Structure formats: C-alpha cells, structure tokens
Amino acid sequence: MSFTKAFSPALRELRFIFSQTGPASAGTRQFVVSKYPVIKKHNPDLPVLIREATGTPARVFARFERGVERHVELENLSAPEVEAKVSQLLSS
C-alpha cells in the first residue's frame, strides 16, 4: 500500500504509540516524522493520533468501521520495516 493516496473509507482512525526516547522505537519515530505529512495530505479528515510515553513498546492501531480494531507491534523495526507493517495492517 502506498502512502501517496487516500486510504479506504472504512479506516476510521490510525493511532501510533511509542517511546519518545527509547532505541527500540527509533524506526517508528522516523516513520512518523517522514510519513505523517504525506498521510495527512491525502487523508485530511482521518484522525492520526501519535501517543508518546517513556518505556512504551512501539505499536500501531487501526480502527475500522463497526468498531473493528487491529494492531501490530513495531518494536525494534527500522522505518522501512514499520512502513511495511503499517501497509500490511491497513490492507488486511
């Protein structure tokens, strides 16, 4: 899935949770910094929440219509690996 186009209308919310200083969350932080502007440009009405908390394992949650929520762990992944995991989550 490319981040240069709008996501499915079934996606209601995208939520990233990670540590703001932990080395295991470095790839997630890098992904968010580089891809957040592109995601918001193509999905201006989609809530993209970014939650940082010290010691929190990196993960992303996707909430779809009818309250269906899925998540994947992003701990110790590089930015390209995070992108692949997020794409996989959104296409499932």
C-alpha atoms as a PDB file:
ATOM      1  CA  MET A   1       0.000   0.000   0.000  1.00  0.00           C
ATOM      2  CA  SER A   2       1.297   3.400  -0.918  1.00  0.00           C
ATOM      3  CA  PHE A   3       1.027   6.331   1.449  1.00  0.00           C
ATOM      4  CA  THR A   4       0.670   8.685  -1.533  1.00  0.00           C
ATOM      5  CA  LYS A   5      -3.049   8.040  -1.928  1.00  0.00           C
ATOM      6  CA  ALA A   6      -6.150   8.114   0.221  1.00  0.00           C
ATOM      7  CA  PHE A   7      -6.832   5.161   2.493  1.00  0.00           C
ATOM      8  CA  SER A   8     -10.013   3.123   2.415  1.00  0.00           C
ATOM      9  CA  PRO A   9     -13.088   4.950   3.742  1.00  0.00           C
ATOM     10  CA  ALA A  10     -13.537   2.013   6.142  1.00  0.00           C
ATOM     11  CA  LEU A  11     -10.496   3.236   8.120  1.00  0.00           C
ATOM     12  CA  ARG A  12     -11.708   5.490  10.938  1.00  0.00           C
ATOM     13  CA  GLU A  13      -8.536   6.134  12.966  1.00  0.00           C
ATOM     14  CA  LEU A  14      -4.808   5.423  12.940  1.00  0.00           C
ATOM     15  CA  ARG A  15      -3.018   5.504  16.309  1.00  0.00           C
ATOM     16  CA  PHE A  16       0.741   5.249  16.877  1.00  0.00           C
ATOM     17  CA  ILE A  17       2.046   4.536  20.381  1.00  0.00           C
ATOM     18  CA  PHE A  18       5.775   4.549  21.090  1.00  0.00           C
ATOM     19  CA  SER A  19       8.527   5.760  23.397  1.00  0.00           C
ATOM     20  CA  GLN A  20       9.829   9.230  22.582  1.00  0.00           C
ATOM     21  CA  THR A  21      13.402   8.351  23.589  1.00  0.00           C
ATOM     22  CA  GLY A  22      13.728   4.550  23.578  1.00  0.00           C
ATOM     23  CA  PRO A  23      16.050   2.993  20.989  1.00  0.00           C
ATOM     24  CA  ALA A  24      13.509   0.258  20.201  1.00  0.00           C
ATOM     25  CA  SER A  25      11.082   2.940  18.953  1.00  0.00           C
ATOM     26  CA  ALA A  26      13.601   4.780  16.731  1.00  0.00           C
ATOM     27  CA  GLY A  27      12.242   3.313  13.472  1.00  0.00           C
ATOM     28  CA  THR A  28       8.682   4.187  14.425  1.00  0.00           C
ATOM     29  CA  ARG A  29       9.672   7.764  15.286  1.00  0.00           C
ATOM     30  CA  GLN A  30      11.490   8.104  11.975  1.00  0.00           C
ATOM     31  CA  PHE A  31       8.493   6.697  10.082  1.00  0.00           C
ATOM     32  CA  VAL A  32       6.080   9.102  11.783  1.00  0.00           C
ATOM     33  CA  VAL A  33       8.295  12.123  11.116  1.00  0.00           C
ATOM     34  CA  SER A  34       8.727  11.251   7.443  1.00  0.00           C
ATOM     35  CA  LYS A  35       5.271   9.877   6.547  1.00  0.00           C
ATOM     36  CA  TYR A  36       2.835  11.834   8.747  1.00  0.00           C
ATOM     37  CA  PRO A  37       2.709  14.883   6.410  1.00  0.00           C
ATOM     38  CA  VAL A  38       2.043  12.659   3.384  1.00  0.00           C
ATOM     39  CA  ILE A  39      -0.633  10.654   5.194  1.00  0.00           C
ATOM     40  CA  LYS A  40      -2.432  13.822   6.340  1.00  0.00           C
ATOM     41  CA  LYS A  41      -2.137  15.421   2.897  1.00  0.00           C
ATOM     42  CA  HIS A  42      -4.010  12.540   1.276  1.00  0.00           C
ATOM     43  CA  ASN A  43      -6.334  11.814   4.242  1.00  0.00           C
ATOM     44  CA  PRO A  44      -7.095  15.226   5.793  1.00  0.00           C
ATOM     45  CA  ASP A  45     -10.173  14.054   7.717  1.00  0.00           C
ATOM     46  CA  LEU A  46      -8.599  10.883   9.123  1.00  0.00           C
ATOM     47  CA  PRO A  47      -7.584  11.161  12.791  1.00  0.00           C
ATOM     48  CA  VAL A  48      -3.918  10.144  13.042  1.00  0.00           C
ATOM     49  CA  LEU A  49      -3.062  10.026  16.727  1.00  0.00           C
ATOM     50  CA  ILE A  50       0.502   9.987  17.992  1.00  0.00           C
ATOM     51  CA  ARG A  51       0.993   8.971  21.608  1.00  0.00           C
ATOM     52  CA  GLU A  52       4.421   9.042  23.188  1.00  0.00           C
ATOM     53  CA  ALA A  53       5.183   7.564  26.587  1.00  0.00           C
ATOM     54  CA  THR A  54       8.522   6.591  28.060  1.00  0.00           C
ATOM     55  CA  GLY A  55       9.052   2.837  28.114  1.00  0.00           C
ATOM     56  CA  THR A  56       6.033   2.067  25.952  1.00  0.00           C
ATOM     57  CA  PRO A  57       6.526  -0.609  23.290  1.00  0.00           C
ATOM     58  CA  ALA A  58       6.042   0.702  19.751  1.00  0.00           C
ATOM     59  CA  ARG A  59       2.825  -0.352  18.044  1.00  0.00           C
ATOM     60  CA  VAL A  60       0.165   0.969  15.715  1.00  0.00           C
ATOM     61  CA  PHE A  61      -3.590   0.532  15.982  1.00  0.00           C
ATOM     62  CA  ALA A  62      -6.069   0.872  13.129  1.00  0.00           C
ATOM     63  CA  ARG A  63      -9.754   1.307  13.893  1.00  0.00           C
ATOM     64  CA  PHE A  64     -12.155   0.436  11.104  1.00  0.00           C
ATOM     65  CA  GLU A  65     -15.889   0.816  10.671  1.00  0.00           C
ATOM     66  CA  ARG A  66     -18.177  -1.050  13.063  1.00  0.00           C
ATOM     67  CA  GLY A  67     -15.566  -0.764  15.844  1.00  0.00           C
ATOM     68  CA  VAL A  68     -13.155  -3.344  14.448  1.00  0.00           C
ATOM     69  CA  GLU A  69      -9.658  -2.597  15.742  1.00  0.00           C
ATOM     70  CA  ARG A  70      -6.385  -4.272  14.768  1.00  0.00           C
ATOM     71  CA  HIS A  71      -2.817  -3.602  15.788  1.00  0.00           C
ATOM     72  CA  VAL A  72       0.744  -4.657  15.017  1.00  0.00           C
ATOM     73  CA  GLU A  73       3.899  -4.458  17.099  1.00  0.00           C
ATOM     74  CA  LEU A  74       6.636  -2.168  15.756  1.00  0.00           C
ATOM     75  CA  GLU A  75       9.297  -2.669  18.423  1.00  0.00           C
ATOM     76  CA  ASN A  76      12.911  -2.773  17.130  1.00  0.00           C
ATOM     77  CA  LEU A  77      11.942  -2.242  13.477  1.00  0.00           C
ATOM     78  CA  SER A  78      13.564   0.147  11.018  1.00  0.00           C
ATOM     79  CA  ALA A  79      11.474   2.838   9.302  1.00  0.00           C
ATOM     80  CA  PRO A  80      11.071   0.786   6.070  1.00  0.00           C
ATOM     81  CA  GLU A  81      10.004  -2.245   8.123  1.00  0.00           C
ATOM     82  CA  VAL A  82       7.497  -0.066  10.015  1.00  0.00           C
ATOM     83  CA  GLU A  83       6.131   1.153   6.681  1.00  0.00           C
ATOM     84  CA  ALA A  84       5.690  -2.447   5.505  1.00  0.00           C
ATOM     85  CA  LYS A  85       3.932  -3.453   8.753  1.00  0.00           C
ATOM     86  CA  VAL A  86       1.578  -0.448   8.631  1.00  0.00           C
ATOM     87  CA  SER A  87       0.788  -1.156   4.971  1.00  0.00           C
ATOM     88  CA  GLN A  88       0.071  -4.775   5.825  1.00  0.00           C
ATOM     89  CA  LEU A  89      -2.205  -3.716   8.689  1.00  0.00           C
ATOM     90  CA  LEU A  90      -4.176  -1.308   6.534  1.00  0.00           C
ATOM     91  CA  SER A  91      -4.621  -3.774   3.691  1.00  0.00           C
ATOM     92  CA  SER A  92      -5.848  -6.623   5.917  1.00  0.00           C
END
